[in-house]
């Protein structure tokens, strides 16, 4: 397999801590449901949430080296669209911006960046994220659904839970139509697992 055919998204184990990250996350969590843009001020300068992905970014850039020159190698921790093989738009989401191992809060994405994504209109579009759609705060889910409809998203693919599952994301303007949210299984057992779920090809 060629590296141009490999798509990686940051997950909750790709994060490093930094000064005031915990306080930043607490502030976002307290405000995100009433203000889906509450994270925006923490994507700049010394408070930048993306500082947590420095090692991840370095790894991805090294992995793609000179073989891939699109957004995957330029800004691995960002939201982007990559047109794969002139056949499909693949939107990559970073759903781990406030991941910290705390099960008492949900996740966020950069919805503003997602809203500015450009796609090739004549190609189908899928979205890749680490966490499933319902692991993201509802205030942002509402915005995501509108953006997905505008981008004509056909499916949302994710992992994180280690168990295969298919959910549906109701479309914003169309009754009785939905987008599949496909949670992929995993191919290796961890000591803490009490199951193994594989997707059969």
Protein backbone atom coordinates (compact mmCIF):
# COMPACT_ATOMS: atom_id res chain seq x y z
CA UNK A 1 0.00 0.00 0.00
CA UNK A 2 1.24 3.47 -0.88
CA UNK A 3 1.36 6.15 1.80
CA UNK A 4 -0.89 8.42 -0.26
CA UNK A 5 -3.63 5.83 0.35
CA UNK A 6 -3.23 5.94 4.13
CA UNK A 7 -5.39 8.37 6.16
CA UNK A 8 -4.60 8.96 9.82
CA UNK A 9 -6.60 10.97 12.35
CA UNK A 10 -5.46 12.07 15.81
CA UNK A 11 -6.97 10.21 18.74
CA UNK A 12 -7.09 10.46 22.51
CA UNK A 13 -3.77 8.62 22.90
CA UNK A 14 -1.94 11.09 20.64
CA UNK A 15 -2.00 13.92 23.17
CA UNK A 16 0.66 15.49 25.36
CA UNK A 17 -0.11 17.66 28.35
CA UNK A 18 1.04 21.27 28.65
CA UNK A 19 0.64 24.10 31.17
CA UNK A 20 -2.96 25.13 31.78
CA UNK A 21 -4.42 22.50 29.44
CA UNK A 22 -6.66 21.14 32.20
CA UNK A 23 -7.91 24.64 33.06
CA UNK A 24 -8.52 25.39 29.38
CA UNK A 25 -10.55 22.20 28.95
CA UNK A 26 -12.61 22.95 32.07
CA UNK A 27 -13.47 26.42 30.74
CA UNK A 28 -14.49 25.05 27.34
CA UNK A 29 -16.59 22.26 28.90
CA UNK A 30 -18.45 24.79 31.08
CA UNK A 31 -19.35 26.97 28.09
CA UNK A 32 -19.54 24.79 24.96
CA UNK A 33 -23.24 23.84 25.16
CA UNK A 34 -24.36 27.47 25.32
CA UNK A 35 -21.66 28.65 22.91
CA UNK A 36 -20.40 26.10 20.33
CA UNK A 37 -17.54 28.51 19.51
CA UNK A 38 -16.26 28.64 23.13
CA UNK A 39 -13.09 26.80 22.05
CA UNK A 40 -12.04 29.40 19.46
CA UNK A 41 -9.90 31.59 21.71
CA UNK A 42 -7.91 28.48 22.68
CA UNK A 43 -6.65 27.83 19.15
CA UNK A 44 -4.21 30.75 19.24
CA UNK A 45 -0.79 31.47 20.71
CA UNK A 46 0.22 30.06 24.10
CA UNK A 47 -3.24 28.65 24.90
CA UNK A 48 -3.44 26.71 21.62
CA UNK A 49 -5.11 23.33 22.12
CA UNK A 50 -3.07 21.99 19.22
CA UNK A 51 0.13 22.22 21.29
CA UNK A 52 -0.92 18.81 22.64
CA UNK A 53 -0.31 17.26 19.18
CA UNK A 54 3.32 18.23 18.65
CA UNK A 55 4.69 14.67 18.84
CA UNK A 56 1.77 13.36 16.75
CA UNK A 57 2.43 16.02 14.08
CA UNK A 58 6.13 15.20 13.95
CA UNK A 59 5.37 11.49 13.59
CA UNK A 60 2.84 12.04 10.79
CA UNK A 61 5.14 14.40 8.88
CA UNK A 62 7.94 11.84 9.12
CA UNK A 63 5.59 9.02 8.10
CA UNK A 64 4.47 10.81 4.93
CA UNK A 65 7.95 12.35 4.38
CA UNK A 66 8.30 13.31 0.70
CA UNK A 67 5.56 10.97 -0.56
CA UNK A 68 2.52 13.09 0.41
CA UNK A 69 2.37 16.88 0.09
CA UNK A 70 -1.26 17.67 0.93
CA UNK A 71 -2.74 18.78 4.27
CA UNK A 72 -2.04 15.42 5.88
CA UNK A 73 1.68 16.19 5.96
CA UNK A 74 1.38 19.96 6.37
CA UNK A 75 -1.13 20.22 9.27
CA UNK A 76 -1.85 16.70 10.56
CA UNK A 77 -3.84 17.90 13.60
CA UNK A 78 -6.17 20.11 11.56
CA UNK A 79 -9.51 19.76 9.75
CA UNK A 80 -8.99 19.23 6.02
CA UNK A 81 -10.31 17.72 2.82
CA UNK A 82 -8.12 15.41 0.76
CA UNK A 83 -9.27 14.26 -2.67
CA UNK A 84 -8.23 10.63 -2.85
CA UNK A 85 -7.29 9.23 -6.26
CA UNK A 86 -9.69 11.69 -8.00
CA UNK A 87 -12.53 9.51 -6.68
CA UNK A 88 -13.66 10.75 -3.28
CA UNK A 89 -13.47 13.71 -0.89
CA UNK A 90 -12.11 12.53 2.46
CA UNK A 91 -12.60 15.06 5.26
CA UNK A 92 -10.32 14.53 8.24
CA UNK A 93 -11.53 15.79 11.64
CA UNK A 94 -9.56 16.21 14.84
CA UNK A 95 -12.10 15.10 17.47
CA UNK A 96 -9.49 14.95 20.26
CA UNK A 97 -8.91 18.65 20.95
CA UNK A 98 -10.09 18.33 24.58
CA UNK A 99 -9.51 14.60 25.13
CA UNK A 100 -8.03 14.08 28.58
CA UNK A 101 -9.29 10.67 29.72
CA UNK A 102 -12.20 12.24 31.60
CA UNK A 103 -15.37 10.29 30.80
CA UNK A 104 -17.51 13.04 32.35
CA UNK A 105 -17.31 15.29 29.31
CA UNK A 106 -17.76 14.91 25.57
CA UNK A 107 -15.44 15.99 22.74
CA UNK A 108 -15.30 18.99 20.42
CA UNK A 109 -14.14 19.75 16.89
CA UNK A 110 -13.17 22.96 15.13
CA UNK A 111 -16.60 23.55 13.58
CA UNK A 112 -15.51 26.88 12.12
CA UNK A 113 -12.73 25.20 10.16
CA UNK A 114 -15.13 22.43 9.07
CA UNK A 115 -17.57 25.05 7.79
CA UNK A 116 -14.89 26.51 5.52
CA UNK A 117 -13.89 23.18 3.91
CA UNK A 118 -13.93 23.12 0.12
CA UNK A 119 -14.79 19.89 -1.67
CA UNK A 120 -14.92 18.74 -5.27
CA UNK A 121 -18.68 18.84 -5.84
CA UNK A 122 -18.88 16.01 -8.37
CA UNK A 123 -17.27 13.49 -5.98
CA UNK A 124 -18.82 11.70 -2.98
CA UNK A 125 -17.69 12.83 0.47
CA UNK A 126 -16.92 10.86 3.65
CA UNK A 127 -15.72 12.13 7.02
CA UNK A 128 -13.07 10.45 9.20
CA UNK A 129 -12.80 11.14 12.93
CA UNK A 130 -11.52 9.25 15.95
CA UNK A 131 -14.62 9.68 18.13
CA UNK A 132 -18.13 8.95 16.94
CA UNK A 133 -20.59 11.73 16.17
CA UNK A 134 -22.50 11.21 19.43
CA UNK A 135 -19.33 11.62 21.50
CA UNK A 136 -19.27 15.30 20.47
CA UNK A 137 -21.19 18.01 22.33
CA UNK A 138 -24.77 18.50 21.11
CA UNK A 139 -24.27 22.20 20.40
CA UNK A 140 -21.61 21.24 17.86
CA UNK A 141 -23.54 18.22 16.55
CA UNK A 142 -26.27 20.62 15.41
CA UNK A 143 -23.75 22.65 13.43
CA UNK A 144 -22.03 19.54 12.07
CA UNK A 145 -25.31 18.15 10.70
CA UNK A 146 -25.94 21.37 8.75
CA UNK A 147 -22.38 21.36 7.39
CA UNK A 148 -22.55 17.65 6.51
CA UNK A 149 -25.73 18.27 4.55
CA UNK A 150 -24.15 21.19 2.68
CA UNK A 151 -21.09 19.04 1.88
CA UNK A 152 -23.34 16.10 0.87
CA UNK A 153 -21.55 13.75 3.27
CA UNK A 154 -22.33 10.09 2.56
CA UNK A 155 -20.83 8.55 5.73
CA UNK A 156 -18.98 9.32 8.96
CA UNK A 157 -16.30 6.74 9.86
CA UNK A 158 -14.69 6.54 13.28
CA UNK A 159 -13.20 4.24 15.89
CA UNK A 160 -12.33 4.88 19.56
CA UNK A 161 -14.81 2.41 21.11
CA UNK A 162 -12.95 -0.64 19.72
CA UNK A 163 -16.29 -2.28 18.89
CA UNK A 164 -18.01 -2.18 15.54
CA UNK A 165 -21.33 -0.39 15.53
CA UNK A 166 -23.54 1.40 13.02
CA UNK A 167 -25.51 4.45 14.12
CA UNK A 168 -27.39 7.03 12.09
CA UNK A 169 -27.08 10.81 11.97
CA UNK A 170 -30.42 12.41 11.08
CA UNK A 171 -30.21 14.95 8.29
CA UNK A 172 -31.04 18.54 9.15
CA UNK A 173 -33.56 19.42 6.44
CA UNK A 174 -34.66 16.03 5.13
CA UNK A 175 -37.12 13.91 7.12
CA UNK A 176 -36.52 10.15 7.23
CA UNK A 177 -33.03 10.41 5.73
CA UNK A 178 -29.79 9.91 7.59
CA UNK A 179 -26.03 9.55 7.28
CA UNK A 180 -24.46 6.32 8.58
CA UNK A 181 -22.02 6.73 11.47
CA UNK A 182 -19.86 3.62 11.22
CA UNK A 183 -17.78 2.80 14.28
CA UNK A 184 -15.00 0.48 13.18
CA UNK A 185 -13.76 -2.44 15.22
CA UNK A 186 -10.14 -3.15 16.01
CA UNK A 187 -7.70 -5.81 14.94
CA UNK A 188 -5.71 -6.33 18.14
CA UNK A 189 -6.60 -7.16 21.72
CA UNK A 190 -5.51 -5.02 24.66
CA UNK A 191 -5.14 -6.50 28.16
CA UNK A 192 -8.08 -4.41 29.42
CA UNK A 193 -10.49 -5.62 26.70
CA UNK A 194 -13.08 -8.27 27.45
CA UNK A 195 -14.04 -8.58 23.78
CA UNK A 196 -12.59 -8.41 20.29
CA UNK A 197 -14.64 -7.08 17.43
CA UNK A 198 -13.35 -7.35 13.88
CA UNK A 199 -14.80 -5.95 10.69
CA UNK A 200 -14.89 -8.74 8.12
CA UNK A 201 -13.99 -7.80 4.57
